[in-house]
Amino acid sequence: MYKRGGKRAFDLLLAALALVILMPVIGIISVLVRVKLGSPVLFRQQRPGLHGRPFAIYKFRTMFDARDAQGNLLPDKDRLSPFVDSSAAPAWTNCPSYGTYSEAT
């Protein structure tokens, strides 16, 4: 029974409970992002999932859309918001292929 539907029901119940408990924190973060970075508050990103099937993940925005004189986006380190500690960025963010899945859709 647990493997058929019990785990799914438990996961949904736990996720709903966590959402209700964290709603005030999510609201505060949303307001801060809106005030500091503007709109949109959420960033949608396509990622590869199980068996390569893409899925959408929604995250709070952490970067500005700053561009140079030619209209190109500035490097990530120049667009980070005050919410992000750039010294804590993982090393893989410096690799040339980073950003393959980071384009907003």
N, C-alpha and C. Protein backbone atom coordinates (compact mmCIF):
# COMPACT_ATOMS: atom_id res chain seq x y z
N MET A 1 0.83 -1.20 0.00
CA MET A 1 0.00 0.00 0.00
C MET A 1 0.87 1.26 0.00
N TYR A 2 1.90 1.27 0.86
CA TYR A 2 2.75 2.45 0.95
C TYR A 2 3.43 2.76 -0.37
N LYS A 3 3.95 1.73 -1.04
CA LYS A 3 4.65 1.95 -2.30
C LYS A 3 3.69 2.37 -3.41
N ARG A 4 2.46 1.91 -3.38
CA ARG A 4 1.50 2.24 -4.45
C ARG A 4 1.02 3.69 -4.37
N GLY A 5 0.57 4.12 -3.23
CA GLY A 5 0.03 5.48 -3.15
C GLY A 5 0.33 6.16 -1.84
N GLY A 6 0.79 5.41 -0.87
CA GLY A 6 1.05 5.98 0.44
C GLY A 6 2.18 6.99 0.45
N LYS A 7 3.24 6.69 -0.27
CA LYS A 7 4.37 7.61 -0.30
C LYS A 7 3.99 8.90 -0.99
N ARG A 8 3.28 8.80 -2.08
CA ARG A 8 2.86 10.00 -2.82
C ARG A 8 1.95 10.87 -1.94
N ALA A 9 1.00 10.25 -1.26
CA ALA A 9 0.10 10.99 -0.36
C ALA A 9 0.88 11.64 0.77
N PHE A 10 1.83 10.90 1.34
CA PHE A 10 2.65 11.44 2.42
C PHE A 10 3.48 12.63 1.92
N ASP A 11 4.08 12.51 0.74
CA ASP A 11 4.88 13.59 0.17
C ASP A 11 4.04 14.84 -0.08
N LEU A 12 2.84 14.66 -0.62
CA LEU A 12 1.96 15.79 -0.88
C LEU A 12 1.51 16.47 0.42
N LEU A 13 1.18 15.66 1.40
CA LEU A 13 0.76 16.20 2.70
C LEU A 13 1.90 16.98 3.34
N LEU A 14 3.09 16.44 3.33
CA LEU A 14 4.25 17.09 3.92
C LEU A 14 4.59 18.38 3.17
N ALA A 15 4.53 18.36 1.85
CA ALA A 15 4.81 19.55 1.05
C ALA A 15 3.78 20.65 1.31
N ALA A 16 2.50 20.28 1.40
CA ALA A 16 1.45 21.26 1.68
C ALA A 16 1.63 21.87 3.07
N LEU A 17 1.98 21.05 4.03
CA LEU A 17 2.21 21.54 5.39
C LEU A 17 3.40 22.49 5.42
N ALA A 18 4.50 22.13 4.75
CA ALA A 18 5.68 23.00 4.69
C ALA A 18 5.35 24.32 4.01
N LEU A 19 4.54 24.27 2.96
CA LEU A 19 4.16 25.50 2.27
C LEU A 19 3.38 26.43 3.18
N VAL A 20 2.45 25.90 3.92
CA VAL A 20 1.65 26.71 4.85
C VAL A 20 2.54 27.32 5.94
N ILE A 21 3.44 26.52 6.49
CA ILE A 21 4.32 27.01 7.56
C ILE A 21 5.29 28.07 7.04
N LEU A 22 5.80 27.88 5.82
CA LEU A 22 6.79 28.80 5.27
C LEU A 22 6.20 29.99 4.52
N MET A 23 4.89 30.07 4.40
CA MET A 23 4.24 31.14 3.65
C MET A 23 4.66 32.54 4.12
N PRO A 24 4.76 32.83 5.42
CA PRO A 24 5.22 34.17 5.82
C PRO A 24 6.64 34.48 5.35
N VAL A 25 7.53 33.51 5.42
CA VAL A 25 8.91 33.70 4.97
C VAL A 25 8.94 33.94 3.46
N ILE A 26 8.18 33.16 2.72
CA ILE A 26 8.10 33.32 1.27
C ILE A 26 7.56 34.71 0.92
N GLY A 27 6.57 35.18 1.67
CA GLY A 27 6.01 36.50 1.44
C GLY A 27 7.03 37.61 1.67
N ILE A 28 7.80 37.49 2.75
CA ILE A 28 8.82 38.50 3.06
C ILE A 28 9.90 38.50 1.98
N ILE A 29 10.35 37.34 1.57
CA ILE A 29 11.37 37.26 0.52
C ILE A 29 10.84 37.86 -0.77
N SER A 30 9.57 37.59 -1.10
CA SER A 30 8.97 38.14 -2.32
C SER A 30 8.97 39.66 -2.30
N VAL A 31 8.60 40.23 -1.18
CA VAL A 31 8.58 41.69 -1.06
C VAL A 31 9.99 42.26 -1.18
N LEU A 32 10.96 41.64 -0.52
CA LEU A 32 12.34 42.12 -0.61
C LEU A 32 12.89 42.05 -2.03
N VAL A 33 12.63 40.97 -2.72
CA VAL A 33 13.10 40.84 -4.10
C VAL A 33 12.43 41.89 -4.97
N ARG A 34 11.15 42.10 -4.79
CA ARG A 34 10.41 43.09 -5.59
C ARG A 34 10.97 44.50 -5.36
N VAL A 35 11.26 44.84 -4.11
CA VAL A 35 11.76 46.18 -3.78
C VAL A 35 13.19 46.35 -4.29
N LYS A 36 14.05 45.35 -4.07
CA LYS A 36 15.47 45.48 -4.41
C LYS A 36 15.77 45.24 -5.89
N LEU A 37 15.09 44.27 -6.50
CA LEU A 37 15.41 43.88 -7.87
C LEU A 37 14.33 44.21 -8.88
N GLY A 38 13.13 44.47 -8.42
CA GLY A 38 12.03 44.76 -9.34
C GLY A 38 11.29 43.50 -9.74
N SER A 39 10.59 43.63 -10.84
CA SER A 39 9.76 42.53 -11.32
C SER A 39 10.47 41.84 -12.47
N PRO A 40 10.28 40.60 -12.70
CA PRO A 40 9.48 39.62 -11.98
C PRO A 40 10.24 39.11 -10.74
N VAL A 41 9.48 38.65 -9.78
CA VAL A 41 10.05 38.16 -8.54
C VAL A 41 10.58 36.74 -8.72
N LEU A 42 9.86 35.94 -9.48
CA LEU A 42 10.25 34.55 -9.71
C LEU A 42 10.95 34.40 -11.06
N PHE A 43 11.89 33.48 -11.11
CA PHE A 43 12.65 33.17 -12.30
C PHE A 43 12.33 31.73 -12.69
N ARG A 44 11.92 31.52 -13.92
CA ARG A 44 11.58 30.18 -14.40
C ARG A 44 12.75 29.63 -15.19
N GLN A 45 13.12 28.39 -14.90
CA GLN A 45 14.25 27.77 -15.56
C GLN A 45 13.90 26.35 -15.98
N GLN A 46 14.24 26.01 -17.22
CA GLN A 46 14.05 24.64 -17.71
C GLN A 46 15.27 23.82 -17.33
N ARG A 47 15.04 22.63 -16.78
CA ARG A 47 16.13 21.74 -16.42
C ARG A 47 15.81 20.33 -16.91
N PRO A 48 16.86 19.55 -17.17
CA PRO A 48 16.61 18.17 -17.57
C PRO A 48 16.20 17.35 -16.36
N GLY A 49 15.19 16.52 -16.52
CA GLY A 49 14.70 15.69 -15.43
C GLY A 49 14.95 14.22 -15.69
N LEU A 50 14.10 13.41 -15.13
CA LEU A 50 14.20 11.98 -15.26
C LEU A 50 14.13 11.57 -16.73
N HIS A 51 15.06 10.77 -17.17
CA HIS A 51 15.16 10.31 -18.56
C HIS A 51 15.29 11.47 -19.55
N GLY A 52 15.88 12.59 -19.09
CA GLY A 52 16.10 13.74 -19.96
C GLY A 52 14.88 14.58 -20.24
N ARG A 53 13.75 14.22 -19.66
CA ARG A 53 12.52 14.99 -19.88
C ARG A 53 12.61 16.32 -19.14
N PRO A 54 12.48 17.45 -19.83
CA PRO A 54 12.63 18.75 -19.17
C PRO A 54 11.47 19.04 -18.22
N PHE A 55 11.79 19.79 -17.17
CA PHE A 55 10.78 20.28 -16.26
C PHE A 55 11.12 21.71 -15.88
N ALA A 56 10.15 22.45 -15.40
CA ALA A 56 10.36 23.85 -15.03
C ALA A 56 10.57 23.94 -13.52
N ILE A 57 11.55 24.76 -13.13
CA ILE A 57 11.79 25.04 -11.73
C ILE A 57 11.63 26.56 -11.56
N TYR A 58 11.02 26.95 -10.48
CA TYR A 58 10.82 28.37 -10.20
C TYR A 58 11.67 28.75 -9.01
N LYS A 59 12.41 29.85 -9.16
CA LYS A 59 13.32 30.31 -8.12
C LYS A 59 13.12 31.80 -7.93
N PHE A 60 13.50 32.29 -6.75
CA PHE A 60 13.50 33.73 -6.55
C PHE A 60 14.64 34.33 -7.37
N ARG A 61 14.37 35.47 -7.93
CA ARG A 61 15.36 36.17 -8.73
C ARG A 61 16.52 36.63 -7.84
N THR A 62 17.75 36.50 -8.31
CA THR A 62 18.91 36.94 -7.53
C THR A 62 19.86 37.81 -8.34
N MET A 63 19.50 38.13 -9.59
CA MET A 63 20.40 38.92 -10.43
C MET A 63 19.65 40.07 -11.09
N PHE A 64 20.39 41.13 -11.37
CA PHE A 64 19.87 42.24 -12.14
C PHE A 64 19.97 41.90 -13.62
N ASP A 65 19.24 42.62 -14.46
CA ASP A 65 19.32 42.43 -15.91
C ASP A 65 20.21 43.49 -16.54
N ALA A 66 21.32 43.84 -15.86
CA ALA A 66 22.21 44.89 -16.33
C ALA A 66 22.86 44.49 -17.65
N ARG A 67 22.93 45.46 -18.57
CA ARG A 67 23.51 45.22 -19.90
C ARG A 67 24.56 46.28 -20.22
N ASP A 68 25.47 45.93 -21.13
CA ASP A 68 26.49 46.89 -21.56
C ASP A 68 25.91 47.78 -22.66
N ALA A 69 26.76 48.64 -23.24
CA ALA A 69 26.31 49.59 -24.26
C ALA A 69 25.79 48.90 -25.52
N GLN A 70 26.27 47.68 -25.80
CA GLN A 70 25.82 46.94 -26.98
C GLN A 70 24.57 46.11 -26.71
N GLY A 71 24.08 46.13 -25.49
CA GLY A 71 22.88 45.38 -25.15
C GLY A 71 23.13 43.96 -24.67
N ASN A 72 24.39 43.58 -24.50
CA ASN A 72 24.73 42.25 -23.99
C ASN A 72 24.66 42.24 -22.47
N LEU A 73 24.22 41.12 -21.92
CA LEU A 73 24.20 41.00 -20.47
C LEU A 73 25.61 41.09 -19.91
N LEU A 74 25.75 41.77 -18.79
CA LEU A 74 27.04 41.84 -18.11
C LEU A 74 27.37 40.48 -17.51
N PRO A 75 28.64 40.23 -17.18
CA PRO A 75 29.00 38.96 -16.54
C PRO A 75 28.22 38.76 -15.23
N ASP A 76 28.04 37.52 -14.85
CA ASP A 76 27.28 37.19 -13.65
C ASP A 76 27.75 37.96 -12.42
N LYS A 77 29.05 38.06 -12.24
CA LYS A 77 29.57 38.71 -11.03
C LYS A 77 29.18 40.18 -10.96
N ASP A 78 28.91 40.81 -12.10
CA ASP A 78 28.52 42.21 -12.13
C ASP A 78 27.01 42.40 -12.01
N ARG A 79 26.26 41.31 -12.08
CA ARG A 79 24.80 41.41 -12.02
C ARG A 79 24.21 40.84 -10.73
N LEU A 80 25.06 40.31 -9.84
CA LEU A 80 24.54 39.71 -8.61
C LEU A 80 23.91 40.77 -7.73
N SER A 81 22.85 40.39 -7.07
CA SER A 81 22.15 41.29 -6.18
C SER A 81 22.82 41.30 -4.81
N PRO A 82 22.42 42.23 -3.95
CA PRO A 82 22.99 42.26 -2.60
C PRO A 82 22.61 41.03 -1.77
N PHE A 83 21.65 40.24 -2.24
CA PHE A 83 21.23 39.04 -1.51
C PHE A 83 22.22 37.90 -1.65
N VAL A 84 23.11 37.99 -2.66
CA VAL A 84 23.99 36.87 -3.00
C VAL A 84 25.42 37.19 -2.63
N ASP A 85 26.09 36.28 -1.95
CA ASP A 85 27.50 36.40 -1.62
C ASP A 85 28.29 35.78 -2.75
N SER A 86 28.92 36.61 -3.59
CA SER A 86 29.61 36.09 -4.77
C SER A 86 30.81 35.24 -4.41
N SER A 87 31.37 35.40 -3.21
CA SER A 87 32.51 34.57 -2.82
C SER A 87 32.08 33.14 -2.52
N ALA A 88 30.78 32.94 -2.32
CA ALA A 88 30.27 31.60 -2.02
C ALA A 88 29.83 30.86 -3.27
N ALA A 89 30.00 31.47 -4.44
CA ALA A 89 29.58 30.82 -5.69
C ALA A 89 30.42 29.57 -5.93
N PRO A 90 29.78 28.46 -6.31
CA PRO A 90 30.54 27.24 -6.56
C PRO A 90 31.47 27.39 -7.76
N ALA A 91 32.55 26.65 -7.77
CA ALA A 91 33.56 26.75 -8.83
C ALA A 91 32.99 26.45 -10.20
N TRP A 92 31.99 25.55 -10.30
CA TRP A 92 31.46 25.18 -11.60
C TRP A 92 30.76 26.33 -12.30
N THR A 93 30.42 27.42 -11.58
CA THR A 93 29.77 28.56 -12.24
C THR A 93 30.74 29.30 -13.14
N ASN A 94 32.04 29.02 -13.01
CA ASN A 94 33.03 29.69 -13.85
C ASN A 94 33.31 28.92 -15.14
N CYS A 95 32.73 27.74 -15.31
CA CYS A 95 33.01 26.96 -16.51
C CYS A 95 32.24 27.53 -17.70
N PRO A 96 32.79 27.42 -18.92
CA PRO A 96 32.17 28.02 -20.11
C PRO A 96 30.77 27.50 -20.42
N SER A 97 30.47 26.26 -20.05
CA SER A 97 29.16 25.71 -20.39
C SER A 97 28.08 26.12 -19.40
N TYR A 98 28.48 26.76 -18.28
CA TYR A 98 27.49 27.21 -17.31
C TYR A 98 26.58 28.22 -18.00
N GLY A 99 25.32 28.09 -17.79
CA GLY A 99 24.37 28.99 -18.43
C GLY A 99 23.57 28.29 -19.50
N THR A 100 23.94 27.06 -19.83
CA THR A 100 23.21 26.31 -20.84
C THR A 100 21.73 26.22 -20.47
N TYR A 101 21.46 25.96 -19.19
CA TYR A 101 20.10 25.84 -18.73
C TYR A 101 19.64 27.07 -17.95
N SER A 102 20.45 28.11 -17.89
CA SER A 102 20.11 29.26 -17.05
C SER A 102 19.36 30.35 -17.79
N GLU A 103 19.05 30.15 -19.03
CA GLU A 103 18.32 31.16 -19.78
C GLU A 103 16.85 31.18 -19.34
N ALA A 104 16.34 32.35 -19.06
CA ALA A 104 14.93 32.48 -18.68
C ALA A 104 14.06 32.19 -19.90
N THR A 105 12.97 31.50 -19.68
CA THR A 105 12.07 31.19 -20.79
C THR A 105 10.71 31.78 -20.54
